[in-house]
């Protein structure tokens, strides 16, 4: 195979692979973003000081 043709085919194929990779990676950041914010929210809830339970006075 002539080296010019080989280089051209390689260029086209690498462009196709880059496009497929970009399409494949599109949904991931949304899932990771949502999961990250859920973990932050959970951590903030766990870090909050909880008020002491109010107990009613008992009469004997």
PDB file of N, CA and C in Angstrom:
ATOM      1  N   UNK A   1       0.846  -1.166   0.000  1.00  0.00           N
ATOM      2  CA  UNK A   1       0.000   0.000   0.000  1.00  0.00           C
ATOM      3  C   UNK A   1       0.897   1.237   0.000  1.00  0.00           C
ATOM      4  N   UNK A   2       0.517   2.209  -0.758  1.00  0.00           N
ATOM      5  CA  UNK A   2       1.287   3.440  -0.848  1.00  0.00           C
ATOM      6  C   UNK A   2       1.195   4.196   0.466  1.00  0.00           C
ATOM      7  N   UNK A   3       2.284   4.829   0.894  1.00  0.00           N
ATOM      8  CA  UNK A   3       2.312   5.454   2.218  1.00  0.00           C
ATOM      9  C   UNK A   3       1.343   6.624   2.335  1.00  0.00           C
ATOM     10  N   UNK A   4       1.075   7.353   1.228  1.00  0.00           N
ATOM     11  CA  UNK A   4       0.113   8.457   1.286  1.00  0.00           C
ATOM     12  C   UNK A   4      -1.303   7.939   1.549  1.00  0.00           C
ATOM     13  N   UNK A   5      -1.651   6.861   0.887  1.00  0.00           N
ATOM     14  CA  UNK A   5      -2.978   6.272   1.080  1.00  0.00           C
ATOM     15  C   UNK A   5      -3.103   5.728   2.496  1.00  0.00           C
ATOM     16  N   UNK A   6      -2.064   5.092   2.975  1.00  0.00           N
ATOM     17  CA  UNK A   6      -2.070   4.553   4.334  1.00  0.00           C
ATOM     18  C   UNK A   6      -2.253   5.674   5.363  1.00  0.00           C
ATOM     19  N   UNK A   7      -1.545   6.777   5.180  1.00  0.00           N
ATOM     20  CA  UNK A   7      -1.664   7.906   6.109  1.00  0.00           C
ATOM     21  C   UNK A   7      -3.064   8.512   6.046  1.00  0.00           C
ATOM     22  N   UNK A   8      -3.640   8.617   4.862  1.00  0.00           N
ATOM     23  CA  UNK A   8      -4.980   9.171   4.707  1.00  0.00           C
ATOM     24  C   UNK A   8      -6.018   8.276   5.378  1.00  0.00           C
ATOM     25  N   UNK A   9      -5.910   6.961   5.169  1.00  0.00           N
ATOM     26  CA  UNK A   9      -6.845   6.028   5.817  1.00  0.00           C
ATOM     27  C   UNK A   9      -6.709   6.081   7.335  1.00  0.00           C
ATOM     28  N   UNK A  10      -5.491   6.190   7.814  1.00  0.00           N
ATOM     29  CA  UNK A  10      -5.256   6.297   9.249  1.00  0.00           C
ATOM     30  C   UNK A  10      -5.896   7.570   9.812  1.00  0.00           C
ATOM     31  N   UNK A  11      -5.796   8.674   9.082  1.00  0.00           N
ATOM     32  CA  UNK A  11      -6.385   9.942   9.518  1.00  0.00           C
ATOM     33  C   UNK A  11      -7.901   9.834   9.594  1.00  0.00           C
ATOM     34  N   UNK A  12      -8.518   9.252   8.569  1.00  0.00           N
ATOM     35  CA  UNK A  12      -9.972   9.101   8.568  1.00  0.00           C
ATOM     36  C   UNK A  12     -10.439   8.188   9.703  1.00  0.00           C
ATOM     37  N   UNK A  13      -9.745   7.093   9.889  1.00  0.00           N
ATOM     38  CA  UNK A  13     -10.145   6.146  10.942  1.00  0.00           C
ATOM     39  C   UNK A  13      -9.970   6.755  12.330  1.00  0.00           C
ATOM     40  N   UNK A  14      -8.906   7.504  12.546  1.00  0.00           N
ATOM     41  CA  UNK A  14      -8.710   8.120  13.852  1.00  0.00           C
ATOM     42  C   UNK A  14      -9.786   9.174  14.114  1.00  0.00           C
ATOM     43  N   UNK A  15     -10.214   9.890  13.080  1.00  0.00           N
ATOM     44  CA  UNK A  15     -11.301  10.863  13.238  1.00  0.00           C
ATOM     45  C   UNK A  15     -12.603  10.149  13.607  1.00  0.00           C
ATOM     46  N   UNK A  16     -12.884   9.010  12.978  1.00  0.00           N
ATOM     47  CA  UNK A  16     -14.080   8.234  13.307  1.00  0.00           C
ATOM     48  C   UNK A  16     -14.031   7.748  14.755  1.00  0.00           C
ATOM     49  N   UNK A  17     -12.893   7.259  15.183  1.00  0.00           N
ATOM     50  CA  UNK A  17     -12.767   6.766  16.551  1.00  0.00           C
ATOM     51  C   UNK A  17     -12.928   7.884  17.575  1.00  0.00           C
ATOM     52  N   UNK A  18     -12.385   9.050  17.282  1.00  0.00           N
ATOM     53  CA  UNK A  18     -12.549  10.194  18.192  1.00  0.00           C
ATOM     54  C   UNK A  18     -14.015  10.594  18.302  1.00  0.00           C
ATOM     55  N   UNK A  19     -14.729  10.575  17.179  1.00  0.00           N
ATOM     56  CA  UNK A  19     -16.141  10.926  17.191  1.00  0.00           C
ATOM     57  C   UNK A  19     -16.943   9.894  17.988  1.00  0.00           C
ATOM     58  N   UNK A  20     -16.669   8.628  17.806  1.00  0.00           N
ATOM     59  CA  UNK A  20     -17.359   7.588  18.563  1.00  0.00           C
ATOM     60  C   UNK A  20     -17.067   7.720  20.059  1.00  0.00           C
ATOM     61  N   UNK A  21     -15.843   8.024  20.406  1.00  0.00           N
ATOM     62  CA  UNK A  21     -15.480   8.184  21.813  1.00  0.00           C
ATOM     63  C   UNK A  21     -16.199   9.387  22.423  1.00  0.00           C
ATOM     64  N   UNK A  22     -16.309  10.475  21.681  1.00  0.00           N
ATOM     65  CA  UNK A  22     -17.003  11.664  22.190  1.00  0.00           C
ATOM     66  C   UNK A  22     -18.484  11.367  22.407  1.00  0.00           C
ATOM     67  N   UNK A  23     -19.101  10.612  21.511  1.00  0.00           N
ATOM     68  CA  UNK A  23     -20.511  10.247  21.664  1.00  0.00           C
ATOM     69  C   UNK A  23     -20.699   9.294  22.840  1.00  0.00           C
ATOM     70  N   UNK A  24     -19.764   8.416  23.072  1.00  0.00           N
ATOM     71  CA  UNK A  24     -19.884   7.445  24.157  1.00  0.00           C
ATOM     72  C   UNK A  24     -19.760   8.112  25.519  1.00  0.00           C
ATOM     73  N   UNK A  25     -18.898   9.122  25.643  1.00  0.00           N
ATOM     74  CA  UNK A  25     -18.647   9.772  26.918  1.00  0.00           C
ATOM     75  C   UNK A  25     -19.703  10.799  27.299  1.00  0.00           C
ATOM     76  N   UNK A  26     -20.616  11.155  26.419  1.00  0.00           N
ATOM     77  CA  UNK A  26     -21.571  12.227  26.689  1.00  0.00           C
ATOM     78  C   UNK A  26     -22.432  12.002  27.941  1.00  0.00           C
ATOM     79  N   UNK A  27     -23.018  10.837  28.187  1.00  0.00           N
ATOM     80  CA  UNK A  27     -23.894  10.696  29.346  1.00  0.00           C
ATOM     81  C   UNK A  27     -23.171  10.645  30.687  1.00  0.00           C
ATOM     82  N   UNK A  28     -21.922  10.278  30.718  1.00  0.00           N
ATOM     83  CA  UNK A  28     -21.238  10.067  31.998  1.00  0.00           C
ATOM     84  C   UNK A  28     -21.181  11.275  32.924  1.00  0.00           C
ATOM     85  N   UNK A  29     -20.818  12.464  32.452  1.00  0.00           N
ATOM     86  CA  UNK A  29     -20.703  13.579  33.398  1.00  0.00           C
ATOM     87  C   UNK A  29     -22.000  13.890  34.137  1.00  0.00           C
ATOM     88  N   UNK A  30     -23.143  13.728  33.485  1.00  0.00           N
ATOM     89  CA  UNK A  30     -24.405  13.998  34.166  1.00  0.00           C
ATOM     90  C   UNK A  30     -24.625  13.032  35.314  1.00  0.00           C
ATOM     91  N   UNK A  31     -24.324  11.767  35.090  1.00  0.00           N
ATOM     92  CA  UNK A  31     -24.507  10.766  36.138  1.00  0.00           C
ATOM     93  C   UNK A  31     -23.536  11.035  37.289  1.00  0.00           C
ATOM     94  N   UNK A  32     -22.282  11.291  36.964  1.00  0.00           N
ATOM     95  CA  UNK A  32     -21.294  11.567  38.005  1.00  0.00           C
ATOM     96  C   UNK A  32     -21.617  12.851  38.748  1.00  0.00           C
ATOM     97  N   UNK A  33     -22.104  13.851  38.029  1.00  0.00           N
ATOM     98  CA  UNK A  33     -22.469  15.111  38.660  1.00  0.00           C
ATOM     99  C   UNK A  33     -23.618  14.902  39.636  1.00  0.00           C
ATOM    100  N   UNK A  34     -24.646  14.183  39.205  1.00  0.00           N
ATOM    101  CA  UNK A  34     -25.795  13.936  40.071  1.00  0.00           C
ATOM    102  C   UNK A  34     -25.389  13.118  41.300  1.00  0.00           C
ATOM    103  N   UNK A  35     -24.564  12.099  41.082  1.00  0.00           N
ATOM    104  CA  UNK A  35     -24.120  11.273  42.200  1.00  0.00           C
ATOM    105  C   UNK A  35     -23.257  12.086  43.167  1.00  0.00           C
ATOM    106  N   UNK A  36     -22.414  12.949  42.638  1.00  0.00           N
ATOM    107  CA  UNK A  36     -21.567  13.777  43.488  1.00  0.00           C
ATOM    108  C   UNK A  36     -22.385  14.714  44.359  1.00  0.00           C
ATOM    109  N   UNK A  37     -23.377  15.378  43.768  1.00  0.00           N
ATOM    110  CA  UNK A  37     -24.201  16.298  44.558  1.00  0.00           C
ATOM    111  C   UNK A  37     -25.054  15.543  45.578  1.00  0.00           C
ATOM    112  N   UNK A  38     -25.467  14.333  45.248  1.00  0.00           N
ATOM    113  CA  UNK A  38     -26.209  13.527  46.216  1.00  0.00           C
ATOM    114  C   UNK A  38     -25.328  13.182  47.402  1.00  0.00           C
ATOM    115  N   UNK A  39     -24.058  12.864  47.139  1.00  0.00           N
ATOM    116  CA  UNK A  39     -23.133  12.558  48.232  1.00  0.00           C
ATOM    117  C   UNK A  39     -22.852  13.791  49.082  1.00  0.00           C
ATOM    118  N   UNK A  40     -22.756  14.968  48.451  1.00  0.00           N
ATOM    119  CA  UNK A  40     -22.555  16.206  49.199  1.00  0.00           C
ATOM    120  C   UNK A  40     -23.757  16.467  50.099  1.00  0.00           C
ATOM    121  N   UNK A  41     -24.952  16.302  49.560  1.00  0.00           N
ATOM    122  CA  UNK A  41     -26.164  16.524  50.346  1.00  0.00           C
ATOM    123  C   UNK A  41     -26.231  15.557  51.530  1.00  0.00           C
ATOM    124  N   UNK A  42     -25.910  14.313  51.289  1.00  0.00           N
ATOM    125  CA  UNK A  42     -25.914  13.325  52.365  1.00  0.00           C
ATOM    126  C   UNK A  42     -24.880  13.688  53.421  1.00  0.00           C
ATOM    127  N   UNK A  43     -23.694  14.087  53.014  1.00  0.00           N
ATOM    128  CA  UNK A  43     -22.656  14.476  53.961  1.00  0.00           C
ATOM    129  C   UNK A  43     -23.064  15.679  54.798  1.00  0.00           C
ATOM    130  N   UNK A  44     -23.726  16.649  54.168  1.00  0.00           N
ATOM    131  CA  UNK A  44     -24.186  17.812  54.922  1.00  0.00           C
ATOM    132  C   UNK A  44     -25.259  17.426  55.930  1.00  0.00           C
ATOM    133  N   UNK A  45     -26.123  16.511  55.549  1.00  0.00           N
ATOM    134  CA  UNK A  45     -27.153  16.060  56.498  1.00  0.00           C
ATOM    135  C   UNK A  45     -26.529  15.327  57.681  1.00  0.00           C
ATOM    136  N   UNK A  46     -25.518  14.523  57.408  1.00  0.00           N
ATOM    137  CA  UNK A  46     -24.878  13.784  58.498  1.00  0.00           C
ATOM    138  C   UNK A  46     -24.056  14.700  59.400  1.00  0.00           C
ATOM    139  N   UNK A  47     -23.553  15.794  58.868  1.00  0.00           N
ATOM    140  CA  UNK A  47     -22.706  16.693  59.640  1.00  0.00           C
ATOM    141  C   UNK A  47     -23.505  17.684  60.503  1.00  0.00           C
ATOM    142  N   UNK A  48     -24.791  17.803  60.243  1.00  0.00           N
ATOM    143  CA  UNK A  48     -25.605  18.751  61.013  1.00  0.00           C
ATOM    144  C   UNK A  48     -25.748  18.283  62.453  1.00  0.00           C
ATOM    145  N   UNK A  49     -25.752  19.265  63.366  1.00  0.00           N
ATOM    146  CA  UNK A  49     -26.024  18.934  64.765  1.00  0.00           C
ATOM    147  C   UNK A  49     -27.515  18.762  64.916  1.00  0.00           C
ATOM    148  N   UNK A  50     -27.880  17.685  65.496  1.00  0.00           N
ATOM    149  CA  UNK A  50     -29.306  17.433  65.691  1.00  0.00           C
ATOM    150  C   UNK A  50     -29.728  17.985  67.043  1.00  0.00           C
ATOM    151  N   UNK A  51     -30.865  18.652  67.073  1.00  0.00           N
ATOM    152  CA  UNK A  51     -31.319  19.189  68.368  1.00  0.00           C
ATOM    153  C   UNK A  51     -31.688  18.040  69.305  1.00  0.00           C
ATOM    154  N   UNK A  52     -31.495  18.301  70.591  1.00  0.00           N
ATOM    155  CA  UNK A  52     -31.831  17.288  71.586  1.00  0.00           C
ATOM    156  C   UNK A  52     -33.336  17.094  71.561  1.00  0.00           C
ATOM    157  N   UNK A  53     -33.782  15.863  71.721  1.00  0.00           N
ATOM    158  CA  UNK A  53     -35.220  15.616  71.713  1.00  0.00           C
ATOM    159  C   UNK A  53     -35.884  16.302  72.909  1.00  0.00           C
ATOM    160  N   UNK A  54     -37.025  16.886  72.650  1.00  0.00           N
ATOM    161  CA  UNK A  54     -37.768  17.590  73.700  1.00  0.00           C
ATOM    162  C   UNK A  54     -38.585  16.543  74.454  1.00  0.00           C
ATOM    163  N   UNK A  55     -38.384  16.534  75.764  1.00  0.00           N
ATOM    164  CA  UNK A  55     -39.125  15.566  76.585  1.00  0.00           C
ATOM    165  C   UNK A  55     -40.118  16.316  77.433  1.00  0.00           C
ATOM    166  N   UNK A  56     -41.283  15.821  77.467  1.00  0.00           N
ATOM    167  CA  UNK A  56     -42.316  16.438  78.279  1.00  0.00           C
ATOM    168  C   UNK A  56     -42.070  16.133  79.751  1.00  0.00           C
ATOM    169  N   UNK A  57     -42.388  17.093  80.570  1.00  0.00           N
ATOM    170  CA  UNK A  57     -42.218  16.870  82.012  1.00  0.00           C
ATOM    171  C   UNK A  57     -43.246  15.851  82.480  1.00  0.00           C
ATOM    172  N   UNK A  58     -42.776  14.941  83.294  1.00  0.00           N
ATOM    173  CA  UNK A  58     -43.669  13.906  83.804  1.00  0.00           C
ATOM    174  C   UNK A  58     -44.161  14.311  85.188  1.00  0.00           C
ATOM    175  N   UNK A  59     -45.392  14.162  85.382  1.00  0.00           N
ATOM    176  CA  UNK A  59     -45.947  14.420  86.706  1.00  0.00           C
ATOM    177  C   UNK A  59     -46.239  13.097  87.389  1.00  0.00           C
ATOM    178  N   UNK A  60     -45.890  13.028  88.651  1.00  0.00           N
ATOM    179  CA  UNK A  60     -46.087  11.769  89.353  1.00  0.00           C
ATOM    180  C   UNK A  60     -47.376  11.726  90.105  1.00  0.00           C
TER     181      UNK A  60
END
